[in-house]
Amino acid sequence: PGAVNIPLAELERRLGELPVGKEVVAYCRGPYCVLSFEAVAAL
């Protein structure tokens, strides 16, 4: 509910869609899905 969808490949150019100063919790397909790990490292 209420999730913001920014695919990993678009994350760099769409950072402005994430509010500054607010905690972000990222998720993807499951516990071994690399997308959320890469997103966390980049952010």
PDB file of all heavy atoms in Angstrom:
ATOM      1  N   PRO A   1       0.818  -1.217   0.000  1.00  0.00           N
ATOM      2  CA  PRO A   1       0.000   0.000   0.000  1.00  0.00           C
ATOM      3  C   PRO A   1       0.853   1.269   0.000  1.00  0.00           C
ATOM      4  O   PRO A   1       1.791   1.400   0.779  1.00  0.00           O
ATOM      5  CB  PRO A   1      -0.800  -0.115   1.302  1.00  0.00           C
ATOM      6  CG  PRO A   1      -0.817  -1.564   1.619  1.00  0.00           C
ATOM      7  CD  PRO A   1       0.493  -2.093   1.131  1.00  0.00           C
ATOM      8  N   GLY A   2       0.521   2.174  -0.915  1.00  0.00           N
ATOM      9  CA  GLY A   2       1.191   3.461  -0.956  1.00  0.00           C
ATOM     10  C   GLY A   2       2.604   3.447  -1.469  1.00  0.00           C
ATOM     11  O   GLY A   2       3.302   4.461  -1.402  1.00  0.00           O
ATOM     12  N   ALA A   3       3.054   2.311  -1.994  1.00  0.00           N
ATOM     13  CA  ALA A   3       4.440   2.211  -2.450  1.00  0.00           C
ATOM     14  C   ALA A   3       4.692   3.096  -3.664  1.00  0.00           C
ATOM     15  O   ALA A   3       3.821   3.292  -4.512  1.00  0.00           O
ATOM     16  CB  ALA A   3       4.779   0.764  -2.792  1.00  0.00           C
ATOM     17  N   VAL A   4       5.904   3.635  -3.729  1.00  0.00           N
ATOM     18  CA  VAL A   4       6.380   4.383  -4.886  1.00  0.00           C
ATOM     19  C   VAL A   4       7.169   3.424  -5.771  1.00  0.00           C
ATOM     20  O   VAL A   4       8.051   2.715  -5.285  1.00  0.00           O
ATOM     21  CB  VAL A   4       7.292   5.546  -4.448  1.00  0.00           C
ATOM     22  CG1 VAL A   4       7.875   6.268  -5.668  1.00  0.00           C
ATOM     23  CG2 VAL A   4       6.532   6.519  -3.558  1.00  0.00           C
ATOM     24  N   ASN A   5       6.817   3.363  -7.052  1.00  0.00           N
ATOM     25  CA  ASN A   5       7.518   2.447  -7.960  1.00  0.00           C
ATOM     26  C   ASN A   5       8.578   3.192  -8.760  1.00  0.00           C
ATOM     27  O   ASN A   5       8.265   4.039  -9.595  1.00  0.00           O
ATOM     28  CB  ASN A   5       6.513   1.785  -8.903  1.00  0.00           C
ATOM     29  CG  ASN A   5       7.157   0.816  -9.884  1.00  0.00           C
ATOM     30  OD1 ASN A   5       6.780   0.755 -11.040  1.00  0.00           O
ATOM     31  ND2 ASN A   5       8.119   0.039  -9.418  1.00  0.00           N
ATOM     32  N   ILE A   6       9.839   2.883  -8.464  1.00  0.00           N
ATOM     33  CA  ILE A   6      10.957   3.384  -9.269  1.00  0.00           C
ATOM     34  C   ILE A   6      11.833   2.173  -9.574  1.00  0.00           C
ATOM     35  O   ILE A   6      12.588   1.715  -8.708  1.00  0.00           O
ATOM     36  CB  ILE A   6      11.778   4.464  -8.541  1.00  0.00           C
ATOM     37  CG1 ILE A   6      10.886   5.607  -8.061  1.00  0.00           C
ATOM     38  CG2 ILE A   6      12.876   4.981  -9.462  1.00  0.00           C
ATOM     39  CD1 ILE A   6      11.640   6.709  -7.315  1.00  0.00           C
ATOM     40  N   PRO A   7      11.710   1.596 -10.772  1.00  0.00           N
ATOM     41  CA  PRO A   7      12.558   0.448 -11.117  1.00  0.00           C
ATOM     42  C   PRO A   7      14.034   0.780 -10.930  1.00  0.00           C
ATOM     43  O   PRO A   7      14.457   1.928 -11.122  1.00  0.00           O
ATOM     44  CB  PRO A   7      12.222   0.198 -12.594  1.00  0.00           C
ATOM     45  CG  PRO A   7      10.827   0.727 -12.754  1.00  0.00           C
ATOM     46  CD  PRO A   7      10.763   1.929 -11.853  1.00  0.00           C
ATOM     47  N   LEU A   8      14.805  -0.213 -10.547  1.00  0.00           N
ATOM     48  CA  LEU A   8      16.213   0.012 -10.212  1.00  0.00           C
ATOM     49  C   LEU A   8      16.958   0.748 -11.328  1.00  0.00           C
ATOM     50  O   LEU A   8      17.754   1.655 -11.050  1.00  0.00           O
ATOM     51  CB  LEU A   8      16.894  -1.331  -9.924  1.00  0.00           C
ATOM     52  CG  LEU A   8      18.382  -1.251  -9.577  1.00  0.00           C
ATOM     53  CD1 LEU A   8      18.602  -0.473  -8.282  1.00  0.00           C
ATOM     54  CD2 LEU A   8      18.974  -2.659  -9.474  1.00  0.00           C
ATOM     55  N   ALA A   9      16.698   0.393 -12.576  1.00  0.00           N
ATOM     56  CA  ALA A   9      17.404   1.018 -13.689  1.00  0.00           C
ATOM     57  C   ALA A   9      17.116   2.511 -13.813  1.00  0.00           C
ATOM     58  O   ALA A   9      17.891   3.249 -14.428  1.00  0.00           O
ATOM     59  CB  ALA A   9      17.038   0.311 -15.000  1.00  0.00           C
ATOM     60  N   GLU A  10      16.001   2.969 -13.223  1.00  0.00           N
ATOM     61  CA  GLU A  10      15.617   4.380 -13.321  1.00  0.00           C
ATOM     62  C   GLU A  10      15.901   5.164 -12.040  1.00  0.00           C
ATOM     63  O   GLU A  10      15.610   6.354 -11.962  1.00  0.00           O
ATOM     64  CB  GLU A  10      14.123   4.488 -13.651  1.00  0.00           C
ATOM     65  CG  GLU A  10      13.721   3.765 -14.936  1.00  0.00           C
ATOM     66  CD  GLU A  10      12.220   3.766 -15.151  1.00  0.00           C
ATOM     67  OE1 GLU A  10      11.520   4.575 -14.480  1.00  0.00           O
ATOM     68  OE2 GLU A  10      11.732   2.965 -15.963  1.00  0.00           O
ATOM     69  N   LEU A  11      16.481   4.494 -11.064  1.00  0.00           N
ATOM     70  CA  LEU A  11      16.600   5.100  -9.741  1.00  0.00           C
ATOM     71  C   LEU A  11      17.438   6.379  -9.756  1.00  0.00           C
ATOM     72  O   LEU A  11      17.050   7.397  -9.163  1.00  0.00           O
ATOM     73  CB  LEU A  11      17.206   4.081  -8.766  1.00  0.00           C
ATOM     74  CG  LEU A  11      17.257   4.477  -7.292  1.00  0.00           C
ATOM     75  CD1 LEU A  11      15.867   4.789  -6.749  1.00  0.00           C
ATOM     76  CD2 LEU A  11      17.896   3.358  -6.465  1.00  0.00           C
ATOM     77  N   GLU A  12      18.554   6.339 -10.444  1.00  0.00           N
ATOM     78  CA  GLU A  12      19.464   7.490 -10.432  1.00  0.00           C
ATOM     79  C   GLU A  12      18.794   8.761 -10.943  1.00  0.00           C
ATOM     80  O   GLU A  12      18.917   9.832 -10.353  1.00  0.00           O
ATOM     81  CB  GLU A  12      20.698   7.172 -11.288  1.00  0.00           C
ATOM     82  CG  GLU A  12      21.669   8.316 -11.399  1.00  0.00           C
ATOM     83  CD  GLU A  12      23.009   8.026 -10.732  1.00  0.00           C
ATOM     84  OE1 GLU A  12      23.294   6.868 -10.394  1.00  0.00           O
ATOM     85  OE2 GLU A  12      23.747   8.987 -10.531  1.00  0.00           O
ATOM     86  N   ARG A  13      18.068   8.675 -12.044  1.00  0.00           N
ATOM     87  CA  ARG A  13      17.482   9.878 -12.637  1.00  0.00           C
ATOM     88  C   ARG A  13      16.160  10.279 -11.986  1.00  0.00           C
ATOM     89  O   ARG A  13      15.635  11.363 -12.273  1.00  0.00           O
ATOM     90  CB  ARG A  13      17.281   9.695 -14.145  1.00  0.00           C
ATOM     91  CG  ARG A  13      16.241   8.665 -14.543  1.00  0.00           C
ATOM     92  CD  ARG A  13      16.103   8.616 -16.061  1.00  0.00           C
ATOM     93  NE  ARG A  13      15.152   7.616 -16.501  1.00  0.00           N
ATOM     94  CZ  ARG A  13      13.845   7.805 -16.548  1.00  0.00           C
ATOM     95  NH1 ARG A  13      13.321   8.973 -16.189  1.00  0.00           N
ATOM     96  NH2 ARG A  13      13.041   6.843 -16.975  1.00  0.00           N
ATOM     97  N   ARG A  14      15.631   9.429 -11.092  1.00  0.00           N
ATOM     98  CA  ARG A  14      14.345   9.751 -10.461  1.00  0.00           C
ATOM     99  C   ARG A  14      14.463   9.953  -8.948  1.00  0.00           C
ATOM    100  O   ARG A  14      13.487   9.837  -8.220  1.00  0.00           O
ATOM    101  CB  ARG A  14      13.318   8.651 -10.781  1.00  0.00           C
ATOM    102  CG  ARG A  14      12.956   8.576 -12.261  1.00  0.00           C
ATOM    103  CD  ARG A  14      12.029   7.415 -12.578  1.00  0.00           C
ATOM    104  NE  ARG A  14      10.776   7.481 -11.843  1.00  0.00           N
ATOM    105  CZ  ARG A  14       9.840   6.540 -11.897  1.00  0.00           C
ATOM    106  NH1 ARG A  14      10.020   5.446 -12.629  1.00  0.00           N
ATOM    107  NH2 ARG A  14       8.722   6.669 -11.200  1.00  0.00           N
ATOM    108  N   LEU A  15      15.666  10.258  -8.488  1.00  0.00           N
ATOM    109  CA  LEU A  15      15.867  10.447  -7.050  1.00  0.00           C
ATOM    110  C   LEU A  15      14.994  11.567  -6.497  1.00  0.00           C
ATOM    111  O   LEU A  15      14.618  11.539  -5.319  1.00  0.00           O
ATOM    112  CB  LEU A  15      17.346  10.762  -6.771  1.00  0.00           C
ATOM    113  CG  LEU A  15      18.328   9.592  -6.905  1.00  0.00           C
ATOM    114  CD1 LEU A  15      19.748  10.086  -6.722  1.00  0.00           C
ATOM    115  CD2 LEU A  15      17.992   8.494  -5.907  1.00  0.00           C
ATOM    116  N   GLY A  16      14.646  12.535  -7.324  1.00  0.00           N
ATOM    117  CA  GLY A  16      13.825  13.649  -6.871  1.00  0.00           C
ATOM    118  C   GLY A  16      12.442  13.248  -6.428  1.00  0.00           C
ATOM    119  O   GLY A  16      11.743  14.028  -5.754  1.00  0.00           O
ATOM    120  N   GLU A  17      12.014  12.036  -6.767  1.00  0.00           N
ATOM    121  CA  GLU A  17      10.694  11.555  -6.348  1.00  0.00           C
ATOM    122  C   GLU A  17      10.691  11.020  -4.919  1.00  0.00           C
ATOM    123  O   GLU A  17       9.630  10.723  -4.370  1.00  0.00           O
ATOM    124  CB  GLU A  17      10.198  10.482  -7.312  1.00  0.00           C
ATOM    125  CG  GLU A  17      10.012  10.989  -8.737  1.00  0.00           C
ATOM    126  CD  GLU A  17       9.602   9.896  -9.699  1.00  0.00           C
ATOM    127  OE1 GLU A  17       8.876   8.975  -9.268  1.00  0.00           O
ATOM    128  OE2 GLU A  17       9.996   9.942 -10.879  1.00  0.00           O
ATOM    129  N   LEU A  18      11.880  10.874  -4.337  1.00  0.00           N
ATOM    130  CA  LEU A  18      11.974  10.394  -2.958  1.00  0.00           C
ATOM    131  C   LEU A  18      12.148  11.583  -2.020  1.00  0.00           C
ATOM    132  O   LEU A  18      13.053  12.391  -2.209  1.00  0.00           O
ATOM    133  CB  LEU A  18      13.157   9.441  -2.800  1.00  0.00           C
ATOM    134  CG  LEU A  18      13.074   8.135  -3.592  1.00  0.00           C
ATOM    135  CD1 LEU A  18      14.373   7.349  -3.446  1.00  0.00           C
ATOM    136  CD2 LEU A  18      11.881   7.296  -3.135  1.00  0.00           C
ATOM    137  N   PRO A  19      11.284  11.716  -1.006  1.00  0.00           N
ATOM    138  CA  PRO A  19      11.402  12.852  -0.090  1.00  0.00           C
ATOM    139  C   PRO A  19      12.704  12.819   0.698  1.00  0.00           C
ATOM    140  O   PRO A  19      13.106  11.773   1.211  1.00  0.00           O
ATOM    141  CB  PRO A  19      10.192  12.682   0.835  1.00  0.00           C
ATOM    142  CG  PRO A  19       9.806  11.246   0.726  1.00  0.00           C
ATOM    143  CD  PRO A  19      10.170  10.824  -0.660  1.00  0.00           C
ATOM    144  N   VAL A  20      13.360  13.956   0.771  1.00  0.00           N
ATOM    145  CA  VAL A  20      14.617  14.063   1.515  1.00  0.00           C
ATOM    146  C   VAL A  20      14.313  14.087   3.012  1.00  0.00           C
ATOM    147  O   VAL A  20      13.355  14.706   3.449  1.00  0.00           O
ATOM    148  CB  VAL A  20      15.377  15.340   1.099  1.00  0.00           C
ATOM    149  CG1 VAL A  20      16.661  15.492   1.910  1.00  0.00           C
ATOM    150  CG2 VAL A  20      15.687  15.318  -0.391  1.00  0.00           C
ATOM    151  N   GLY A  21      15.134  13.397   3.788  1.00  0.00           N
ATOM    152  CA  GLY A  21      14.977  13.412   5.233  1.00  0.00           C
ATOM    153  C   GLY A  21      13.966  12.430   5.785  1.00  0.00           C
ATOM    154  O   GLY A  21      13.735  12.397   6.993  1.00  0.00           O
ATOM    155  N   LYS A  22      13.353  11.622   4.924  1.00  0.00           N
ATOM    156  CA  LYS A  22      12.384  10.630   5.376  1.00  0.00           C
ATOM    157  C   LYS A  22      12.937   9.235   5.119  1.00  0.00           C
ATOM    158  O   LYS A  22      13.557   8.983   4.074  1.00  0.00           O
ATOM    159  CB  LYS A  22      11.059  10.808   4.632  1.00  0.00           C
ATOM    160  CG  LYS A  22       9.898  10.008   5.200  1.00  0.00           C
ATOM    161  CD  LYS A  22       8.598  10.374   4.479  1.00  0.00           C
ATOM    162  CE  LYS A  22       7.399   9.659   5.078  1.00  0.00           C
ATOM    163  NZ  LYS A  22       6.138  10.014   4.378  1.00  0.00           N
ATOM    164  N   GLU A  23      12.756   8.338   6.066  1.00  0.00           N
ATOM    165  CA  GLU A  23      13.275   6.984   5.899  1.00  0.00           C
ATOM    166  C   GLU A  23      12.632   6.309   4.692  1.00  0.00           C
ATOM    167  O   GLU A  23      11.442   6.453   4.426  1.00  0.00           O
ATOM    168  CB  GLU A  23      13.011   6.145   7.150  1.00  0.00           C
ATOM    169  CG  GLU A  23      13.564   4.726   7.039  1.00  0.00           C
ATOM    170  CD  GLU A  23      13.194   3.834   8.203  1.00  0.00           C
ATOM    171  OE1 GLU A  23      12.329   4.233   9.008  1.00  0.00           O
ATOM    172  OE2 GLU A  23      13.770   2.734   8.291  1.00  0.00           O
ATOM    173  N   VAL A  24      13.442   5.550   3.968  1.00  0.00           N
ATOM    174  CA  VAL A  24      12.981   4.770   2.824  1.00  0.00           C
ATOM    175  C   VAL A  24      13.153   3.286   3.147  1.00  0.00           C
ATOM    176  O   VAL A  24      14.192   2.876   3.663  1.00  0.00           O
ATOM    177  CB  VAL A  24      13.782   5.120   1.556  1.00  0.00           C
ATOM    178  CG1 VAL A  24      13.365   4.225   0.384  1.00  0.00           C
ATOM    179  CG2 VAL A  24      13.610   6.590   1.192  1.00  0.00           C
ATOM    180  N   VAL A  25      12.122   2.493   2.852  1.00  0.00           N
ATOM    181  CA  VAL A  25      12.224   1.034   2.950  1.00  0.00           C
ATOM    182  C   VAL A  25      11.992   0.473   1.553  1.00  0.00           C
ATOM    183  O   VAL A  25      10.936   0.681   0.954  1.00  0.00           O
ATOM    184  CB  VAL A  25      11.209   0.443   3.943  1.00  0.00           C
ATOM    185  CG1 VAL A  25      11.252  -1.087   3.904  1.00  0.00           C
ATOM    186  CG2 VAL A  25      11.498   0.926   5.358  1.00  0.00           C
ATOM    187  N   ALA A  26      13.002  -0.220   1.024  1.00  0.00           N
ATOM    188  CA  ALA A  26      12.942  -0.752  -0.336  1.00  0.00           C
ATOM    189  C   ALA A  26      12.630  -2.252  -0.319  1.00  0.00           C
ATOM    190  O   ALA A  26      13.040  -2.983   0.579  1.00  0.00           O
ATOM    191  CB  ALA A  26      14.267  -0.504  -1.058  1.00  0.00           C
ATOM    192  N   TYR A  27      11.900  -2.676  -1.340  1.00  0.00           N
ATOM    193  CA  TYR A  27      11.612  -4.114  -1.471  1.00  0.00           C
ATOM    194  C   TYR A  27      11.531  -4.473  -2.941  1.00  0.00           C
ATOM    195  O   TYR A  27      11.401  -3.615  -3.815  1.00  0.00           O
ATOM    196  CB  TYR A  27      10.311  -4.498  -0.757  1.00  0.00           C
ATOM    197  CG  TYR A  27       9.058  -4.064  -1.482  1.00  0.00           C
ATOM    198  CD1 TYR A  27       8.423  -4.913  -2.391  1.00  0.00           C
ATOM    199  CD2 TYR A  27       8.489  -2.810  -1.264  1.00  0.00           C
ATOM    200  CE1 TYR A  27       7.272  -4.521  -3.055  1.00  0.00           C
ATOM    201  CE2 TYR A  27       7.333  -2.417  -1.912  1.00  0.00           C
ATOM    202  CZ  TYR A  27       6.731  -3.275  -2.810  1.00  0.00           C
ATOM    203  OH  TYR A  27       5.590  -2.878  -3.477  1.00  0.00           O
ATOM    204  N   CYS A  28      11.586  -5.781  -3.215  1.00  0.00           N
ATOM    205  CA  CYS A  28      11.424  -6.236  -4.597  1.00  0.00           C
ATOM    206  C   CYS A  28      10.706  -7.590  -4.617  1.00  0.00           C
ATOM    207  O   CYS A  28       9.638  -7.717  -4.017  1.00  0.00           O
ATOM    208  CB  CYS A  28      12.747  -6.247  -5.355  1.00  0.00           C
ATOM    209  SG  CYS A  28      14.070  -7.208  -4.602  1.00  0.00           S
ATOM    210  N   ARG A  29      11.289  -8.607  -5.250  1.00  0.00           N
ATOM    211  CA  ARG A  29      10.560  -9.851  -5.514  1.00  0.00           C
ATOM    212  C   ARG A  29      10.605 -10.868  -4.383  1.00  0.00           C
ATOM    213  O   ARG A  29       9.760 -11.774  -4.345  1.00  0.00           O
ATOM    214  CB  ARG A  29      11.123 -10.513  -6.780  1.00  0.00           C
ATOM    215  CG  ARG A  29      10.877  -9.715  -8.051  1.00  0.00           C
ATOM    216  CD  ARG A  29      11.667 -10.293  -9.204  1.00  0.00           C
ATOM    217  NE  ARG A  29      11.412  -9.555 -10.435  1.00  0.00           N
ATOM    218  CZ  ARG A  29      12.315  -9.389 -11.396  1.00  0.00           C
ATOM    219  NH1 ARG A  29      13.531  -9.892 -11.249  1.00  0.00           N
ATOM    220  NH2 ARG A  29      12.005  -8.708 -12.485  1.00  0.00           N
ATOM    221  N   GLY A  30      11.575 -10.757  -3.495  1.00  0.00           N
ATOM    222  CA  GLY A  30      11.702 -11.757  -2.447  1.00  0.00           C
ATOM    223  C   GLY A  30      13.035 -11.633  -1.748  1.00  0.00           C
ATOM    224  O   GLY A  30      13.827 -10.730  -2.038  1.00  0.00           O
ATOM    225  N   PRO A  31      13.345 -12.527  -0.827  1.00  0.00           N
ATOM    226  CA  PRO A  31      14.541 -12.381   0.001  1.00  0.00           C
ATOM    227  C   PRO A  31      15.853 -12.469  -0.761  1.00  0.00           C
ATOM    228  O   PRO A  31      16.870 -11.951  -0.298  1.00  0.00           O
ATOM    229  CB  PRO A  31      14.422 -13.536   1.012  1.00  0.00           C
ATOM    230  CG  PRO A  31      13.474 -14.505   0.386  1.00  0.00           C
ATOM    231  CD  PRO A  31      12.528 -13.694  -0.422  1.00  0.00           C
ATOM    232  N   TYR A  32      15.880 -13.114  -1.944  1.00  0.00           N
ATOM    233  CA  TYR A  32      17.126 -13.221  -2.706  1.00  0.00           C
ATOM    234  C   TYR A  32      17.092 -12.376  -3.976  1.00  0.00           C
ATOM    235  O   TYR A  32      17.971 -12.518  -4.837  1.00  0.00           O
ATOM    236  CB  TYR A  32      17.407 -14.692  -3.065  1.00  0.00           C
ATOM    237  CG  TYR A  32      17.441 -15.582  -1.850  1.00  0.00           C
ATOM    238  CD1 TYR A  32      16.617 -16.694  -1.753  1.00  0.00           C
ATOM    239  CD2 TYR A  32      18.288 -15.291  -0.779  1.00  0.00           C
ATOM    240  CE1 TYR A  32      16.638 -17.503  -0.629  1.00  0.00           C
ATOM    241  CE2 TYR A  32      18.308 -16.092   0.347  1.00  0.00           C
ATOM    242  CZ  TYR A  32      17.477 -17.195   0.420  1.00  0.00           C
ATOM    243  OH  TYR A  32      17.490 -17.989   1.536  1.00  0.00           O
ATOM    244  N   CYS A  33      16.133 -11.506  -4.095  1.00  0.00           N
ATOM    245  CA  CYS A  33      16.069 -10.607  -5.241  1.00  0.00           C
ATOM    246  C   CYS A  33      17.134  -9.525  -5.078  1.00  0.00           C
ATOM    247  O   CYS A  33      17.163  -8.827  -4.059  1.00  0.00           O
ATOM    248  CB  CYS A  33      14.675  -9.988  -5.348  1.00  0.00           C
ATOM    249  SG  CYS A  33      14.504  -8.784  -6.665  1.00  0.00           S
ATOM    250  N   VAL A  34      17.998  -9.373  -6.080  1.00  0.00           N
ATOM    251  CA  VAL A  34      19.137  -8.450  -5.947  1.00  0.00           C
ATOM    252  C   VAL A  34      18.720  -6.990  -6.089  1.00  0.00           C
ATOM    253  O   VAL A  34      19.480  -6.088  -5.711  1.00  0.00           O
ATOM    254  CB  VAL A  34      20.232  -8.775  -6.982  1.00  0.00           C
ATOM    255  CG1 VAL A  34      20.722 -10.194  -6.812  1.00  0.00           C
ATOM    256  CG2 VAL A  34      19.745  -8.537  -8.407  1.00  0.00           C
ATOM    257  N   LEU A  35      17.529  -6.729  -6.629  1.00  0.00           N
ATOM    258  CA  LEU A  35      17.146  -5.348  -6.932  1.00  0.00           C
ATOM    259  C   LEU A  35      17.137  -4.464  -5.695  1.00  0.00           C
ATOM    260  O   LEU A  35      17.652  -3.341  -5.714  1.00  0.00           O
ATOM    261  CB  LEU A  35      15.765  -5.323  -7.602  1.00  0.00           C
ATOM    262  CG  LEU A  35      15.611  -6.141  -8.886  1.00  0.00           C
ATOM    263  CD1 LEU A  35      14.173  -6.063  -9.396  1.00  0.00           C
ATOM    264  CD2 LEU A  35      16.582  -5.664  -9.950  1.00  0.00           C
ATOM    265  N   SER A  36      16.554  -4.943  -4.601  1.00  0.00           N
ATOM    266  CA  SER A  36      16.468  -4.103  -3.404  1.00  0.00           C
ATOM    267  C   SER A  36      17.835  -3.914  -2.762  1.00  0.00           C
ATOM    268  O   SER A  36      18.132  -2.844  -2.208  1.00  0.00           O
ATOM    269  CB  SER A  36      15.474  -4.690  -2.390  1.00  0.00           C
ATOM    270  OG  SER A  36      15.873  -5.977  -1.971  1.00  0.00           O
ATOM    271  N   PHE A  37      18.697  -4.931  -2.816  1.00  0.00           N
ATOM    272  CA  PHE A  37      20.046  -4.790  -2.265  1.00  0.00           C
ATOM    273  C   PHE A  37      20.826  -3.720  -3.030  1.00  0.00           C
ATOM    274  O   PHE A  37      21.525  -2.896  -2.428  1.00  0.00           O
ATOM    275  CB  PHE A  37      20.787  -6.129  -2.329  1.00  0.00           C
ATOM    276  CG  PHE A  37      20.366  -7.111  -1.275  1.00  0.00           C
ATOM    277  CD1 PHE A  37      19.300  -7.974  -1.501  1.00  0.00           C
ATOM    278  CD2 PHE A  37      21.014  -7.181  -0.057  1.00  0.00           C
ATOM    279  CE1 PHE A  37      18.905  -8.887  -0.527  1.00  0.00           C
ATOM    280  CE2 PHE A  37      20.628  -8.083   0.927  1.00  0.00           C
ATOM    281  CZ  PHE A  37      19.565  -8.941   0.682  1.00  0.00           C
ATOM    282  N   GLU A  38      20.713  -3.748  -4.362  1.00  0.00           N
ATOM    283  CA  GLU A  38      21.404  -2.749  -5.167  1.00  0.00           C
ATOM    284  C   GLU A  38      20.839  -1.351  -4.915  1.00  0.00           C
ATOM    285  O   GLU A  38      21.585  -0.364  -4.855  1.00  0.00           O
ATOM    286  CB  GLU A  38      21.288  -3.105  -6.657  1.00  0.00           C
ATOM    287  CG  GLU A  38      21.977  -4.401  -7.055  1.00  0.00           C
ATOM    288  CD  GLU A  38      23.495  -4.304  -7.009  1.00  0.00           C
ATOM    289  OE1 GLU A  38      24.027  -3.191  -6.813  1.00  0.00           O
ATOM    290  OE2 GLU A  38      24.163  -5.353  -7.154  1.00  0.00           O
ATOM    291  N   ALA A  39      19.518  -1.259  -4.754  1.00  0.00           N
ATOM    292  CA  ALA A  39      18.893   0.039  -4.500  1.00  0.00           C
ATOM    293  C   ALA A  39      19.339   0.607  -3.157  1.00  0.00           C
ATOM    294  O   ALA A  39      19.644   1.807  -3.043  1.00  0.00           O
ATOM    295  CB  ALA A  39      17.369  -0.093  -4.537  1.00  0.00           C
ATOM    296  N   VAL A  40      19.384  -0.231  -2.139  1.00  0.00           N
ATOM    297  CA  VAL A  40      19.810   0.221  -0.810  1.00  0.00           C
ATOM    298  C   VAL A  40      21.248   0.726  -0.865  1.00  0.00           C
ATOM    299  O   VAL A  40      21.570   1.795  -0.325  1.00  0.00           O
ATOM    300  CB  VAL A  40      19.655  -0.920   0.221  1.00  0.00           C
ATOM    301  CG1 VAL A  40      20.421  -0.606   1.497  1.00  0.00           C
ATOM    302  CG2 VAL A  40      18.184  -1.133   0.545  1.00  0.00           C
ATOM    303  N   ALA A  41      22.124  -0.032  -1.519  1.00  0.00           N
ATOM    304  CA  ALA A  41      23.531   0.384  -1.612  1.00  0.00           C
ATOM    305  C   ALA A  41      23.660   1.716  -2.343  1.00  0.00           C
ATOM    306  O   ALA A  41      24.411   2.605  -1.920  1.00  0.00           O
ATOM    307  CB  ALA A  41      24.341  -0.698  -2.324  1.00  0.00           C
ATOM    308  N   ALA A  42      22.912   1.886  -3.436  1.00  0.00           N
ATOM    309  CA  ALA A  42      22.990   3.124  -4.216  1.00  0.00           C
ATOM    310  C   ALA A  42      22.455   4.315  -3.431  1.00  0.00           C
ATOM    311  O   ALA A  42      23.047   5.408  -3.451  1.00  0.00           O
ATOM    312  CB  ALA A  42      22.217   2.958  -5.522  1.00  0.00           C
ATOM    313  N   LEU A  43      21.356   4.134  -2.730  1.00  0.00           N
ATOM    314  CA  LEU A  43      20.754   5.243  -1.983  1.00  0.00           C
ATOM    315  C   LEU A  43      21.594   5.628  -0.767  1.00  0.00           C
ATOM    316  O   LEU A  43      21.695   6.819  -0.430  1.00  0.00           O
ATOM    317  CB  LEU A  43      19.332   4.875  -1.556  1.00  0.00           C
ATOM    318  CG  LEU A  43      18.296   4.810  -2.683  1.00  0.00           C
ATOM    319  CD1 LEU A  43      16.973   4.262  -2.173  1.00  0.00           C
ATOM    320  CD2 LEU A  43      18.086   6.188  -3.302  1.00  0.00           C
TER     321      LEU A  43
END
